């Protein structure tokens, strides 16, 4: 097999075996602690701009299938694992991980000490890196890593959001053809949908499982680009407004933050229209309220993060994928923390004390698992009633 190298900006270089595509990419090197769900991770647009390391040692054993994709293509810049399974064993599998990454031009590296890489990332913080199968000179690769752009200050959401509005129809158990890479499925509305609350979802890089959940809670869903203006959103006459996940630095999305400030006044305050945000949507909502966001040392990525619901005291095990967070000390008096991370006490949710506006940093659509937080979709649906 071909040699591949992963070089970090601090001068560390790992040598392993290439799989998937061949070539060279840069990105922020991060890690995910999930034991399963690698296909959902690969196709989550929130990972755009990142080289993802899996901490679980054996990856690829159940292959790739059409049903578990979270978008029309993988978005990770590169994929780092300890060992690639050469055996695919699952009745739904349509192919191997190796072939899938090769088809979509994603470079993978296996055979490196991923535990050492994760330990270094936890100690030093997430670093810029270069993954290459073409340039194997350590000094060159380290220099390229240092010169790469990183994530801070970059509006990566514009590179993953759809180009135009569309209707989303499939629910969680609906069989459907994969949408094109330009956006979501463009389908006709279901019979009787006029009697369902209408959710307008701002897509900054939305995972497909989110609109599936909205449909299953009894909503009809229109997806609009995250760059849509407040008048364009209100033209759809929404009963609720949803703000999706997405990649990059929320501080770079000044236009989206300004749009949300307008929607808080013209939709939530003036008309009582609920607004619900997840992940990047949560961060943008925090900024719209006047709070600041900051970059976490190495982020939260995995399916086992404990979060406490401040209203009930109940602890939820959550799926997370974010490198930035809202500073709770900068929230205005009329906005309160609704959820708190029990590992590091960072803010995991907020809500306005008077307006129907709330958000969470983690992923209640949780594909793949756990499902402790799916009640939030029902809560949003109830608010629209």
Protein backbone atom coordinates (compact mmCIF):
# COMPACT_ATOMS: atom_id res chain seq x y z
CA UNK A 1 0.00 0.00 0.00
CA UNK A 2 1.03 3.63 -0.55
CA UNK A 3 2.57 5.64 2.27
CA UNK A 4 0.62 8.58 3.70
CA UNK A 5 1.79 11.23 6.15
CA UNK A 6 -0.07 13.49 8.56
CA UNK A 7 1.92 16.57 9.64
CA UNK A 8 0.84 19.03 12.34
CA UNK A 9 1.78 22.67 12.72
CA UNK A 10 3.75 21.91 15.91
CA UNK A 11 6.20 19.77 13.90
CA UNK A 12 4.76 16.34 14.73
CA UNK A 13 4.58 13.95 11.76
CA UNK A 14 2.77 10.59 11.65
CA UNK A 15 3.51 8.01 8.94
CA UNK A 16 0.91 5.43 7.94
CA UNK A 17 -0.77 3.67 5.04
CA UNK A 18 -3.02 5.45 2.54
CA UNK A 19 -6.58 4.39 1.77
CA UNK A 20 -9.40 6.05 -0.10
CA UNK A 21 -8.12 8.74 -2.48
CA UNK A 22 -4.59 9.93 -3.11
CA UNK A 23 -3.36 13.51 -3.01
CA UNK A 24 -2.87 16.24 -0.41
CA UNK A 25 -5.25 18.27 1.77
CA UNK A 26 -5.07 20.70 4.66
CA UNK A 27 -7.49 21.05 7.56
CA UNK A 28 -7.90 21.35 11.29
CA UNK A 29 -7.12 17.97 12.88
CA UNK A 30 -9.85 16.93 15.34
CA UNK A 31 -11.03 13.70 16.95
CA UNK A 32 -14.38 11.98 17.46
CA UNK A 33 -14.95 9.47 20.29
CA UNK A 34 -17.96 7.67 18.76
CA UNK A 35 -17.68 3.89 18.43
CA UNK A 36 -20.09 3.79 15.47
CA UNK A 37 -21.56 6.27 13.02
CA UNK A 38 -18.50 6.92 10.86
CA UNK A 39 -20.67 7.34 7.75
CA UNK A 40 -22.80 9.98 9.47
CA UNK A 41 -19.62 11.75 10.57
CA UNK A 42 -18.12 11.67 7.08
CA UNK A 43 -21.25 13.16 5.50
CA UNK A 44 -22.00 15.78 8.19
CA UNK A 45 -21.36 19.18 6.53
CA UNK A 46 -20.25 20.55 9.93
CA UNK A 47 -16.94 18.71 9.41
CA UNK A 48 -16.09 20.73 6.29
CA UNK A 49 -12.55 22.04 6.70
CA UNK A 50 -11.50 19.34 9.17
CA UNK A 51 -9.34 16.21 9.13
CA UNK A 52 -11.20 13.82 11.44
CA UNK A 53 -9.55 11.20 13.65
CA UNK A 54 -11.63 8.33 15.02
CA UNK A 55 -10.62 7.13 18.48
CA UNK A 56 -12.28 3.73 18.07
CA UNK A 57 -9.52 1.45 16.70
CA UNK A 58 -11.36 -0.52 13.96
CA UNK A 59 -13.34 1.45 11.37
CA UNK A 60 -15.15 0.30 8.22
CA UNK A 61 -16.42 -3.09 9.40
CA UNK A 62 -20.06 -2.45 8.48
CA UNK A 63 -19.33 -0.67 5.20
CA UNK A 64 -21.32 2.14 3.61
CA UNK A 65 -25.02 2.30 2.76
CA UNK A 66 -27.38 4.87 1.21
CA UNK A 67 -29.71 5.11 4.21
CA UNK A 68 -27.25 6.49 6.80
CA UNK A 69 -25.91 9.47 4.84
CA UNK A 70 -26.43 12.93 6.34
CA UNK A 71 -25.82 14.74 3.04
CA UNK A 72 -25.15 13.90 -0.59
CA UNK A 73 -21.38 13.51 -0.15
CA UNK A 74 -18.63 13.31 2.47
CA UNK A 75 -17.43 16.71 3.69
CA UNK A 76 -14.41 15.83 5.85
CA UNK A 77 -11.10 16.97 4.39
CA UNK A 78 -9.35 13.77 5.46
CA UNK A 79 -9.96 10.69 7.60
CA UNK A 80 -7.54 9.26 10.19
CA UNK A 81 -7.98 5.81 11.75
CA UNK A 82 -5.97 3.14 13.51
CA UNK A 83 -7.08 0.17 11.39
CA UNK A 84 -9.26 -0.16 8.29
CA UNK A 85 -11.46 -3.24 8.20
CA UNK A 86 -10.95 -5.20 4.99
CA UNK A 87 -14.11 -7.19 5.71
CA UNK A 88 -17.52 -5.55 5.22
CA UNK A 89 -20.25 -7.35 7.15
CA UNK A 90 -23.73 -5.80 7.16
CA UNK A 91 -26.85 -6.69 5.23
CA UNK A 92 -27.41 -3.03 4.29
CA UNK A 93 -23.88 -2.40 3.06
CA UNK A 94 -23.55 -1.30 -0.54
CA UNK A 95 -19.80 -1.00 -0.58
CA UNK A 96 -16.64 -0.52 1.45
CA UNK A 97 -15.36 2.57 3.24
CA UNK A 98 -12.16 2.45 1.17
CA UNK A 99 -14.05 2.51 -2.13
CA UNK A 100 -16.45 5.20 -0.91
CA UNK A 101 -13.67 7.60 0.05
CA UNK A 102 -11.84 6.91 -3.21
CA UNK A 103 -15.00 7.64 -5.20
CA UNK A 104 -15.46 10.98 -3.43
CA UNK A 105 -11.78 11.98 -3.47
CA UNK A 106 -11.28 11.88 0.32
CA UNK A 107 -7.81 10.89 1.55
CA UNK A 108 -7.52 8.42 4.42
CA UNK A 109 -4.59 7.32 6.54
CA UNK A 110 -4.46 4.20 8.73
CA UNK A 111 -1.85 2.51 10.86
CA UNK A 112 -0.82 5.48 12.97
CA UNK A 113 -1.00 5.74 16.77
CA UNK A 114 -4.35 7.50 17.05
CA UNK A 115 -4.21 7.39 20.85
CA UNK A 116 -1.00 9.41 20.77
CA UNK A 117 -2.55 11.86 18.30
CA UNK A 118 -5.63 12.35 20.47
CA UNK A 119 -3.53 12.82 23.61
CA UNK A 120 -1.43 15.44 21.82
CA UNK A 121 -4.58 17.22 20.61
CA UNK A 122 -6.02 17.30 24.11
CA UNK A 123 -2.77 18.75 25.49
CA UNK A 124 -1.95 21.22 22.72
CA UNK A 125 -5.42 21.91 21.33
CA UNK A 126 -6.75 21.29 17.83
CA UNK A 127 -4.00 22.07 15.33
CA UNK A 128 -3.76 22.75 11.63
CA UNK A 129 -2.48 19.80 9.62
CA UNK A 130 -1.58 18.43 6.21
CA UNK A 131 -2.49 14.93 5.03
CA UNK A 132 -0.52 13.83 1.98
CA UNK A 133 0.33 10.83 -0.16
CA UNK A 134 2.28 12.87 -2.71
CA UNK A 135 4.75 14.95 -0.68
CA UNK A 136 6.49 12.78 1.92
CA UNK A 137 9.11 15.32 3.04
CA UNK A 138 8.48 16.03 6.74
CA UNK A 139 9.86 19.58 6.72
CA UNK A 140 7.79 20.55 3.68
CA UNK A 141 4.62 19.14 5.19
CA UNK A 142 5.09 20.93 8.52
CA UNK A 143 5.70 24.21 6.70
CA UNK A 144 2.50 23.68 4.69
CA UNK A 145 0.55 22.94 7.87
CA UNK A 146 1.75 26.16 9.49
CA UNK A 147 0.80 28.15 6.38
CA UNK A 148 -2.69 26.62 6.00
CA UNK A 149 -5.69 28.86 6.78
CA UNK A 150 -7.29 27.01 9.70
CA UNK A 151 -10.91 27.63 10.73
CA UNK A 152 -10.90 30.87 12.70
CA UNK A 153 -12.51 33.73 10.81
CA UNK A 154 -13.66 31.58 7.87
CA UNK A 155 -17.24 31.48 6.63
CA UNK A 156 -17.32 27.83 5.59
CA UNK A 157 -21.11 27.64 5.78
CA UNK A 158 -21.43 29.36 2.41
CA UNK A 159 -19.55 26.44 0.84
CA UNK A 160 -22.01 23.81 2.10
CA UNK A 161 -25.42 25.52 2.14
CA UNK A 162 -27.88 24.92 -0.72
CA UNK A 163 -28.10 27.40 -3.57
CA UNK A 164 -31.90 27.74 -3.50
CA UNK A 165 -34.99 26.99 -1.45
CA UNK A 166 -36.80 23.64 -1.65
CA UNK A 167 -39.42 21.52 0.07
CA UNK A 168 -38.28 18.67 2.31
CA UNK A 169 -40.63 15.70 2.46
CA UNK A 170 -39.01 12.44 3.78
CA UNK A 171 -39.49 11.42 7.40
CA UNK A 172 -37.31 9.12 9.49
CA UNK A 173 -38.68 5.93 7.96
CA UNK A 174 -39.24 7.21 4.42
CA UNK A 175 -37.30 5.60 1.62
CA UNK A 176 -36.07 8.20 -0.85
CA UNK A 177 -33.44 8.80 -3.47
CA UNK A 178 -30.40 10.77 -2.38
CA UNK A 179 -30.74 14.49 -3.22
CA UNK A 180 -28.20 16.13 -5.47
CA UNK A 181 -25.17 17.89 -4.02
CA UNK A 182 -26.83 21.24 -4.76
CA UNK A 183 -29.36 20.93 -1.96
CA UNK A 184 -32.23 18.96 -0.50
CA UNK A 185 -34.97 17.01 -2.22
CA UNK A 186 -37.29 19.14 -4.30
CA UNK A 187 -40.64 17.38 -3.94
CA UNK A 188 -44.30 18.23 -3.76
CA UNK A 189 -45.93 18.75 -0.37
CA UNK A 190 -47.73 15.81 1.19
CA UNK A 191 -51.50 15.60 1.10
CA UNK A 192 -53.05 17.47 3.98
CA UNK A 193 -49.87 19.44 4.64
CA UNK A 194 -51.84 22.71 4.72
CA UNK A 195 -53.04 21.65 8.16
CA UNK A 196 -49.51 21.13 9.45
CA UNK A 197 -47.36 23.87 10.99
CA UNK A 198 -44.92 25.22 8.45
CA UNK A 199 -41.24 25.26 9.48
CA UNK A 200 -38.76 27.32 7.49
CA UNK A 201 -35.33 25.81 8.08
CA UNK A 202 -32.22 27.93 7.50
CA UNK A 203 -29.65 25.53 6.09
CA UNK A 204 -26.06 26.38 7.07
CA UNK A 205 -24.99 22.78 6.38
CA UNK A 206 -27.95 20.88 7.80
CA UNK A 207 -27.83 17.16 8.55
CA UNK A 208 -30.67 15.33 6.82
CA UNK A 209 -31.85 13.72 10.04
CA UNK A 210 -33.00 17.14 11.29
CA UNK A 211 -35.74 17.77 8.69
CA UNK A 212 -36.67 14.09 8.96
CA UNK A 213 -37.42 14.66 12.65
CA UNK A 214 -39.38 17.83 11.89
CA UNK A 215 -41.51 15.93 9.37
CA UNK A 216 -42.09 13.09 11.84
CA UNK A 217 -43.32 15.53 14.50
CA UNK A 218 -46.04 16.66 12.10
CA UNK A 219 -44.50 19.64 10.32
CA UNK A 220 -44.12 20.56 6.70
CA UNK A 221 -40.65 21.86 6.00
CA UNK A 222 -39.25 24.41 3.59
CA UNK A 223 -35.45 24.57 3.44
CA UNK A 224 -33.83 27.91 2.57
CA UNK A 225 -30.15 28.82 2.26
CA UNK A 226 -28.58 30.09 5.46
CA UNK A 227 -27.80 33.29 3.56
CA UNK A 228 -31.52 34.11 3.14
CA UNK A 229 -32.61 37.52 4.39
CA UNK A 230 -35.34 38.10 6.97
CA UNK A 231 -37.89 39.28 4.35
CA UNK A 232 -37.15 36.23 2.18
CA UNK A 233 -37.72 33.95 5.17
CA UNK A 234 -40.94 35.67 6.24
CA UNK A 235 -42.28 35.49 2.66
CA UNK A 236 -42.76 31.76 3.28
CA UNK A 237 -45.19 32.60 6.14
CA UNK A 238 -43.54 30.30 8.69
CA UNK A 239 -45.20 28.99 11.82
CA UNK A 240 -41.71 28.24 13.13
CA UNK A 241 -38.13 29.06 12.14
CA UNK A 242 -35.32 26.54 12.50
CA UNK A 243 -31.57 27.31 12.47
CA UNK A 244 -29.34 24.41 11.44
CA UNK A 245 -25.87 23.15 12.24
CA UNK A 246 -22.94 24.02 9.98
CA UNK A 247 -19.15 24.37 9.77
CA UNK A 248 -16.64 27.04 10.62
CA UNK A 249 -16.41 30.07 12.86
CA UNK A 250 -19.78 31.60 13.87
CA UNK A 251 -18.04 34.95 14.31
CA UNK A 252 -17.50 35.10 10.55
CA UNK A 253 -21.25 34.94 9.81
CA UNK A 254 -22.08 38.57 10.53
CA UNK A 255 -24.86 38.71 7.91
CA UNK A 256 -26.62 35.68 9.41
CA UNK A 257 -26.32 37.16 12.91
CA UNK A 258 -27.89 40.41 11.68
CA UNK A 259 -30.71 38.45 10.01
CA UNK A 260 -31.46 36.63 13.27
CA UNK A 261 -31.57 39.91 15.19
CA UNK A 262 -34.27 41.05 12.76
CA UNK A 263 -36.18 37.74 13.03
CA UNK A 264 -36.16 37.87 16.83
CA UNK A 265 -37.93 41.23 16.63
CA UNK A 266 -40.13 40.75 13.57
CA UNK A 267 -41.05 37.08 13.99
CA UNK A 268 -40.65 35.95 17.62
CA UNK A 269 -41.50 39.22 19.39
CA UNK A 270 -44.03 40.71 16.97
CA UNK A 271 -45.80 37.53 15.83
CA UNK A 272 -44.97 34.89 18.43
CA UNK A 273 -43.23 32.68 15.86
CA UNK A 274 -40.94 30.16 17.67
CA UNK A 275 -37.25 30.00 16.72
CA UNK A 276 -35.20 26.86 17.42
CA UNK A 277 -31.47 26.51 16.76
CA UNK A 278 -29.03 23.57 16.84
CA UNK A 279 -25.20 23.72 16.98
CA UNK A 280 -24.08 26.57 14.67
CA UNK A 281 -27.68 27.80 14.83
CA UNK A 282 -27.31 27.96 18.61
CA UNK A 283 -24.08 29.95 18.34
CA UNK A 284 -25.59 32.39 15.84
CA UNK A 285 -28.63 32.85 18.05
CA UNK A 286 -26.35 33.61 20.99
CA UNK A 287 -24.55 36.22 18.90
CA UNK A 288 -27.87 37.72 17.82
CA UNK A 289 -28.74 38.20 21.49
CA UNK A 290 -25.43 40.02 21.98
CA UNK A 291 -23.36 37.19 23.45
CA UNK A 292 -19.86 36.36 22.25
CA UNK A 293 -18.50 33.04 20.98
CA UNK A 294 -15.05 31.55 21.46
CA UNK A 295 -13.00 28.64 20.15
CA UNK A 296 -12.74 25.59 22.40
CA UNK A 297 -9.31 24.07 22.98
CA UNK A 298 -10.09 20.82 21.17
CA UNK A 299 -13.87 20.84 20.80
CA UNK A 300 -16.57 18.32 21.63
CA UNK A 301 -17.07 15.51 19.13
CA UNK A 302 -18.63 12.18 20.06
CA UNK A 303 -21.79 10.42 21.17
CA UNK A 304 -21.34 10.23 24.94
CA UNK A 305 -21.30 13.80 26.28
CA UNK A 306 -23.35 14.34 29.49
CA UNK A 307 -25.53 17.46 29.53
CA UNK A 308 -27.78 18.64 32.37
CA UNK A 309 -31.18 20.14 31.63
CA UNK A 310 -31.30 23.08 34.06
CA UNK A 311 -35.12 23.11 34.17
CA UNK A 312 -35.52 19.44 35.14
CA UNK A 313 -32.13 18.47 36.54
CA UNK A 314 -32.16 15.48 34.22
CA UNK A 315 -28.87 14.40 32.61
CA UNK A 316 -28.96 13.62 28.89
CA UNK A 317 -26.28 11.70 27.03
CA UNK A 318 -25.77 13.64 23.83
CA UNK A 319 -24.12 13.61 20.42
CA UNK A 320 -21.88 16.61 19.84
CA UNK A 321 -19.78 18.11 17.07
CA UNK A 322 -18.53 21.64 17.62
CA UNK A 323 -15.29 23.54 18.03
CA UNK A 324 -16.80 26.86 19.13
CA UNK A 325 -19.10 27.76 22.04
CA UNK A 326 -21.20 30.63 23.38
CA UNK A 327 -19.77 32.43 26.42
CA UNK A 328 -22.51 32.19 29.10
CA UNK A 329 -21.07 35.18 30.94
CA UNK A 330 -22.00 37.41 28.01
CA UNK A 331 -25.69 36.43 27.80
CA UNK A 332 -28.09 39.34 28.38
CA UNK A 333 -30.35 39.30 31.48
CA UNK A 334 -33.43 38.16 29.52
CA UNK A 335 -31.64 35.06 28.16
CA UNK A 336 -30.75 32.12 30.41
CA UNK A 337 -28.72 28.93 30.21
CA UNK A 338 -31.02 25.94 29.65
CA UNK A 339 -28.40 23.15 29.41
CA UNK A 340 -24.86 22.76 30.75
CA UNK A 341 -22.07 20.36 29.78
CA UNK A 342 -21.08 18.30 32.82
CA UNK A 343 -17.56 17.62 31.52
CA UNK A 344 -16.36 21.22 31.31
CA UNK A 345 -19.39 23.36 32.33
CA UNK A 346 -19.67 25.00 28.90
CA UNK A 347 -23.02 26.29 27.69
CA UNK A 348 -25.08 23.64 25.90
CA UNK A 349 -28.39 25.47 25.52
CA UNK A 350 -30.11 28.81 25.97
CA UNK A 351 -33.64 30.19 26.00
CA UNK A 352 -35.23 33.60 26.13
CA UNK A 353 -37.21 34.19 29.32
CA UNK A 354 -40.20 35.77 27.53
CA UNK A 355 -39.94 35.06 23.80
CA UNK A 356 -40.42 31.62 22.14
CA UNK A 357 -36.74 31.35 21.25
CA UNK A 358 -34.41 28.53 22.33
CA UNK A 359 -31.41 26.56 21.11
CA UNK A 360 -29.01 23.76 22.01
CA UNK A 361 -25.34 23.27 21.20
CA UNK A 362 -25.58 19.48 20.83
CA UNK A 363 -27.48 17.34 18.29
CA UNK A 364 -30.92 16.06 19.39
CA UNK A 365 -31.40 14.45 15.96
CA UNK A 366 -28.46 12.27 17.11
CA UNK A 367 -27.72 10.11 14.14
CA UNK A 368 -26.21 7.74 15.08
CA UNK A 369 -27.60 7.80 18.67
CA UNK A 370 -28.14 8.39 21.55
CA UNK A 371 -31.77 9.55 21.56
CA UNK A 372 -32.16 11.21 24.97
CA UNK A 373 -32.78 14.69 23.53
CA UNK A 374 -35.30 14.06 20.77
CA UNK A 375 -38.01 15.61 22.96
CA UNK A 376 -36.77 19.01 21.79
CA UNK A 377 -38.43 18.53 18.39
CA UNK A 378 -41.75 17.81 20.09
CA UNK A 379 -41.21 20.89 22.26
CA UNK A 380 -40.70 23.01 19.15
CA UNK A 381 -43.81 21.50 17.55
CA UNK A 382 -45.87 22.28 20.66
CA UNK A 383 -44.70 25.89 20.70
CA UNK A 384 -46.04 26.29 17.15
CA UNK A 385 -49.47 25.15 18.33
